[in-house]
Amino acid sequence: MPPSRVVLDTNVLVSALLFPAGSLAWLRHAWQGGTLRPLMGRDTAAELLRVLAYPKFRLTDDDREDLLGDILPWCETVAVPESVPVPACRDPHDRPFLALALAARADALVTGDGDLLDLAGAFPVPILTPAALRERLESAEG
C-alpha cells in the first residue's frame, strides 16, 4: 500500500520531532517507516524553520539541522500556486497548510488546531487530529 500523503501542521510536526517519547512520536516512525509521506511547500517549510528557531526550544543550529534531517528526506515537496482557492479561516497563518493540502491533493491535513478542525466538514481534504489519523492508518493495516 502506498504511503498516505499528509500535510502535518507545524505544531504536530514540531511535537513529533522534539519529543521522541511524546504522544506524537509515532508520526516520526510512520514517515521514516514509509507509512506516511509528509508534504512540504515553501511556506510551510519556512514556518517550520521559524518555529524551530524559537528561543524557548533552545536549539542550536546543529540541533535544528539534525531535526530537519529527521523529516526532510522523507518529504514530498509540492509547488503551491498562488491561485489556490483557500476557504476563509480565522487564522491567516493556517492558509499555507490549507493551500498545500489542496494543491497536493493530500490524503489528509493533520492538526490539533481548532480553527482548522472547524473547517473539516466543508473542506475537500480530510482534516484529522493525529489520533484520528492513527486510527485510520491502523484500520487500513488490519
C-alpha atoms as a PDB file:
ATOM      1  CA  MET A   1       0.000   0.000   0.000  1.00  0.00           C
ATOM      2  CA  PRO A   2       1.456   3.432  -0.912  1.00  0.00           C
ATOM      3  CA  PRO A   3       2.129   5.815   1.967  1.00  0.00           C
ATOM      4  CA  SER A   4      -0.566   8.268   2.981  1.00  0.00           C
ATOM      5  CA  ARG A   5       0.382  11.716   1.702  1.00  0.00           C
ATOM      6  CA  VAL A   6      -0.312  14.126   4.557  1.00  0.00           C
ATOM      7  CA  VAL A   7       0.146  17.756   5.475  1.00  0.00           C
ATOM      8  CA  LEU A   8       1.303  17.984   9.087  1.00  0.00           C
ATOM      9  CA  ASP A   9       0.710  21.360  10.671  1.00  0.00           C
ATOM     10  CA  THR A  10       3.704  22.935  12.385  1.00  0.00           C
ATOM     11  CA  ASN A  11       2.622  22.151  15.953  1.00  0.00           C
ATOM     12  CA  VAL A  12       2.093  18.482  15.129  1.00  0.00           C
ATOM     13  CA  LEU A  13       5.387  18.264  13.252  1.00  0.00           C
ATOM     14  CA  VAL A  14       7.390  20.052  15.958  1.00  0.00           C
ATOM     15  CA  SER A  15       5.894  17.807  18.656  1.00  0.00           C
ATOM     16  CA  ALA A  16       6.834  14.688  16.691  1.00  0.00           C
ATOM     17  CA  LEU A  17      10.370  15.985  16.127  1.00  0.00           C
ATOM     18  CA  LEU A  18      11.193  17.492  19.529  1.00  0.00           C
ATOM     19  CA  PHE A  19       9.624  14.943  21.861  1.00  0.00           C
ATOM     20  CA  PRO A  20      10.808  11.440  20.887  1.00  0.00           C
ATOM     21  CA  ALA A  21       8.987   9.933  23.868  1.00  0.00           C
ATOM     22  CA  GLY A  22       5.878  12.097  23.431  1.00  0.00           C
ATOM     23  CA  SER A  23       2.397  11.222  22.280  1.00  0.00           C
ATOM     24  CA  LEU A  24       3.164  12.135  18.647  1.00  0.00           C
ATOM     25  CA  ALA A  25       6.496  10.299  18.372  1.00  0.00           C
ATOM     26  CA  TRP A  26       4.696   7.570  16.396  1.00  0.00           C
ATOM     27  CA  LEU A  27       4.418  10.024  13.489  1.00  0.00           C
ATOM     28  CA  ARG A  28       8.194  10.130  13.067  1.00  0.00           C
ATOM     29  CA  HIS A  29       8.277   6.334  12.960  1.00  0.00           C
ATOM     30  CA  ALA A  30       5.393   6.363  10.455  1.00  0.00           C
ATOM     31  CA  TRP A  31       7.124   8.664   7.968  1.00  0.00           C
ATOM     32  CA  GLN A  32      10.531   7.047   8.415  1.00  0.00           C
ATOM     33  CA  GLY A  33       8.935   3.615   8.047  1.00  0.00           C
ATOM     34  CA  GLY A  34       7.111   4.571   4.849  1.00  0.00           C
ATOM     35  CA  THR A  35       3.546   4.565   6.190  1.00  0.00           C
ATOM     36  CA  LEU A  36       3.259   8.350   5.804  1.00  0.00           C
ATOM     37  CA  ARG A  37       4.724  10.768   3.304  1.00  0.00           C
ATOM     38  CA  PRO A  38       4.764  14.301   4.736  1.00  0.00           C
ATOM     39  CA  LEU A  39       4.059  17.030   2.202  1.00  0.00           C
ATOM     40  CA  MET A  40       6.004  20.277   2.359  1.00  0.00           C
ATOM     41  CA  GLY A  41       5.623  23.533   0.482  1.00  0.00           C
ATOM     42  CA  ARG A  42       7.795  26.633   0.523  1.00  0.00           C
ATOM     43  CA  ASP A  43       5.564  28.471   3.017  1.00  0.00           C
ATOM     44  CA  THR A  44       5.099  25.515   5.364  1.00  0.00           C
ATOM     45  CA  ALA A  45       8.854  24.833   5.330  1.00  0.00           C
ATOM     46  CA  ALA A  46       9.523  28.490   6.177  1.00  0.00           C
ATOM     47  CA  GLU A  47       7.050  28.239   9.059  1.00  0.00           C
ATOM     48  CA  LEU A  48       8.792  25.117  10.383  1.00  0.00           C
ATOM     49  CA  LEU A  49      12.187  26.843  10.253  1.00  0.00           C
ATOM     50  CA  ARG A  50      10.753  29.904  12.007  1.00  0.00           C
ATOM     51  CA  VAL A  51       9.228  27.848  14.822  1.00  0.00           C
ATOM     52  CA  LEU A  52      12.336  25.697  15.334  1.00  0.00           C
ATOM     53  CA  ALA A  53      14.253  28.949  15.902  1.00  0.00           C
ATOM     54  CA  TYR A  54      12.031  29.981  18.845  1.00  0.00           C
ATOM     55  CA  PRO A  55      14.251  30.720  21.871  1.00  0.00           C
ATOM     56  CA  LYS A  56      12.030  28.554  24.124  1.00  0.00           C
ATOM     57  CA  PHE A  57      13.272  25.428  22.334  1.00  0.00           C
ATOM     58  CA  ARG A  58      16.939  26.352  22.927  1.00  0.00           C
ATOM     59  CA  LEU A  59      18.034  24.600  19.745  1.00  0.00           C
ATOM     60  CA  THR A  60      21.450  25.216  18.285  1.00  0.00           C
ATOM     61  CA  ASP A  61      21.977  25.424  14.531  1.00  0.00           C
ATOM     62  CA  ASP A  62      23.261  21.830  14.678  1.00  0.00           C
ATOM     63  CA  ASP A  63      20.159  20.729  16.623  1.00  0.00           C
ATOM     64  CA  ARG A  64      17.873  22.284  14.017  1.00  0.00           C
ATOM     65  CA  GLU A  65      19.871  20.688  11.211  1.00  0.00           C
ATOM     66  CA  ASP A  66      19.582  17.276  12.906  1.00  0.00           C
ATOM     67  CA  LEU A  67      15.810  17.698  13.319  1.00  0.00           C
ATOM     68  CA  LEU A  68      15.398  18.733   9.691  1.00  0.00           C
ATOM     69  CA  GLY A  69      17.406  15.629   8.762  1.00  0.00           C
ATOM     70  CA  ASP A  70      14.743  13.583  10.568  1.00  0.00           C
ATOM     71  CA  ILE A  71      11.944  14.913   8.361  1.00  0.00           C
ATOM     72  CA  LEU A  72      13.095  16.457   5.077  1.00  0.00           C
ATOM     73  CA  PRO A  73      14.466  13.281   3.405  1.00  0.00           C
ATOM     74  CA  TRP A  74      11.003  11.704   3.731  1.00  0.00           C
ATOM     75  CA  CYS A  75       9.037  14.732   2.484  1.00  0.00           C
ATOM     76  CA  GLU A  76       7.461  15.240  -0.880  1.00  0.00           C
ATOM     77  CA  THR A  77       7.980  18.830  -1.956  1.00  0.00           C
ATOM     78  CA  VAL A  78       4.973  20.460  -3.573  1.00  0.00           C
ATOM     79  CA  ALA A  79       4.894  23.709  -5.540  1.00  0.00           C
ATOM     80  CA  VAL A  80       1.806  25.564  -4.351  1.00  0.00           C
ATOM     81  CA  PRO A  81       0.433  28.038  -6.900  1.00  0.00           C
ATOM     82  CA  GLU A  82      -0.586  31.445  -5.543  1.00  0.00           C
ATOM     83  CA  SER A  83      -4.007  30.957  -7.115  1.00  0.00           C
ATOM     84  CA  VAL A  84      -5.136  28.014  -4.948  1.00  0.00           C
ATOM     85  CA  PRO A  85      -8.608  28.994  -3.682  1.00  0.00           C
ATOM     86  CA  VAL A  86      -8.404  28.585   0.072  1.00  0.00           C
ATOM     87  CA  PRO A  87     -11.560  28.884   2.177  1.00  0.00           C
ATOM     88  CA  ALA A  88     -11.832  31.707   4.676  1.00  0.00           C
ATOM     89  CA  CYS A  89     -10.302  30.790   8.011  1.00  0.00           C
ATOM     90  CA  ARG A  90      -9.961  32.655  11.288  1.00  0.00           C
ATOM     91  CA  ASP A  91      -6.165  32.399  11.426  1.00  0.00           C
ATOM     92  CA  PRO A  92      -4.346  33.632   8.304  1.00  0.00           C
ATOM     93  CA  HIS A  93      -1.302  31.556   9.362  1.00  0.00           C
ATOM     94  CA  ASP A  94      -3.362  28.435   8.592  1.00  0.00           C
ATOM     95  CA  ARG A  95      -3.804  29.360   4.918  1.00  0.00           C
ATOM     96  CA  PRO A  96      -0.496  27.826   3.692  1.00  0.00           C
ATOM     97  CA  PHE A  97      -1.462  24.445   5.163  1.00  0.00           C
ATOM     98  CA  LEU A  98      -4.878  24.536   3.502  1.00  0.00           C
ATOM     99  CA  ALA A  99      -3.337  25.622   0.188  1.00  0.00           C
ATOM    100  CA  LEU A 100      -0.721  22.862   0.373  1.00  0.00           C
ATOM    101  CA  ALA A 101      -3.357  20.213   1.128  1.00  0.00           C
ATOM    102  CA  LEU A 102      -5.410  21.330  -1.873  1.00  0.00           C
ATOM    103  CA  ALA A 103      -2.512  21.776  -4.304  1.00  0.00           C
ATOM    104  CA  ALA A 104      -1.031  18.390  -3.398  1.00  0.00           C
ATOM    105  CA  ARG A 105      -4.366  16.581  -3.306  1.00  0.00           C
ATOM    106  CA  ALA A 106      -3.292  15.331   0.103  1.00  0.00           C
ATOM    107  CA  ASP A 107      -4.901  12.337   1.755  1.00  0.00           C
ATOM    108  CA  ALA A 108      -5.293  14.430   4.925  1.00  0.00           C
ATOM    109  CA  LEU A 109      -4.303  17.581   6.754  1.00  0.00           C
ATOM    110  CA  VAL A 110      -3.274  16.605  10.293  1.00  0.00           C
ATOM    111  CA  THR A 111      -3.697  19.167  13.050  1.00  0.00           C
ATOM    112  CA  GLY A 112      -4.755  19.842  16.590  1.00  0.00           C
ATOM    113  CA  ASP A 113      -5.626  23.445  15.687  1.00  0.00           C
ATOM    114  CA  GLY A 114      -9.269  24.245  16.458  1.00  0.00           C
ATOM    115  CA  ASP A 115      -9.537  26.792  13.636  1.00  0.00           C
ATOM    116  CA  LEU A 116      -8.513  24.156  11.088  1.00  0.00           C
ATOM    117  CA  LEU A 117     -10.586  21.398  12.671  1.00  0.00           C
ATOM    118  CA  ASP A 118     -13.637  23.680  12.432  1.00  0.00           C
ATOM    119  CA  LEU A 119     -13.245  23.598   8.632  1.00  0.00           C
ATOM    120  CA  ALA A 120     -13.241  19.784   8.481  1.00  0.00           C
ATOM    121  CA  GLY A 121     -16.814  19.344   7.298  1.00  0.00           C
ATOM    122  CA  ALA A 122     -16.553  21.853   4.456  1.00  0.00           C
ATOM    123  CA  PHE A 123     -13.006  21.231   3.194  1.00  0.00           C
ATOM    124  CA  PRO A 124     -12.424  18.769   0.319  1.00  0.00           C
ATOM    125  CA  VAL A 125      -9.348  17.233   2.000  1.00  0.00           C
ATOM    126  CA  PRO A 126      -9.981  15.384   5.277  1.00  0.00           C
ATOM    127  CA  ILE A 127      -8.801  17.413   8.276  1.00  0.00           C
ATOM    128  CA  LEU A 128      -7.881  14.991  11.038  1.00  0.00           C
ATOM    129  CA  THR A 129      -6.409  15.071  14.510  1.00  0.00           C
ATOM    130  CA  PRO A 130      -3.276  12.969  14.949  1.00  0.00           C
ATOM    131  CA  ALA A 131      -5.366  10.422  16.889  1.00  0.00           C
ATOM    132  CA  ALA A 132      -7.892  10.163  14.038  1.00  0.00           C
ATOM    133  CA  LEU A 133      -5.065   9.694  11.531  1.00  0.00           C
ATOM    134  CA  ARG A 134      -3.560   6.931  13.658  1.00  0.00           C
ATOM    135  CA  GLU A 135      -6.941   5.218  13.877  1.00  0.00           C
ATOM    136  CA  ARG A 136      -7.372   5.462  10.103  1.00  0.00           C
ATOM    137  CA  LEU A 137      -3.908   4.025   9.464  1.00  0.00           C
ATOM    138  CA  GLU A 138      -4.396   1.168  11.909  1.00  0.00           C
ATOM    139  CA  SER A 139      -7.753   0.193  10.380  1.00  0.00           C
ATOM    140  CA  ALA A 140      -6.206   0.285   6.871  1.00  0.00           C
ATOM    141  CA  GLU A 141      -3.442  -2.089   8.025  1.00  0.00           C
ATOM    142  CA  GLY A 142      -5.755  -4.543   9.711  1.00  0.00           C
END
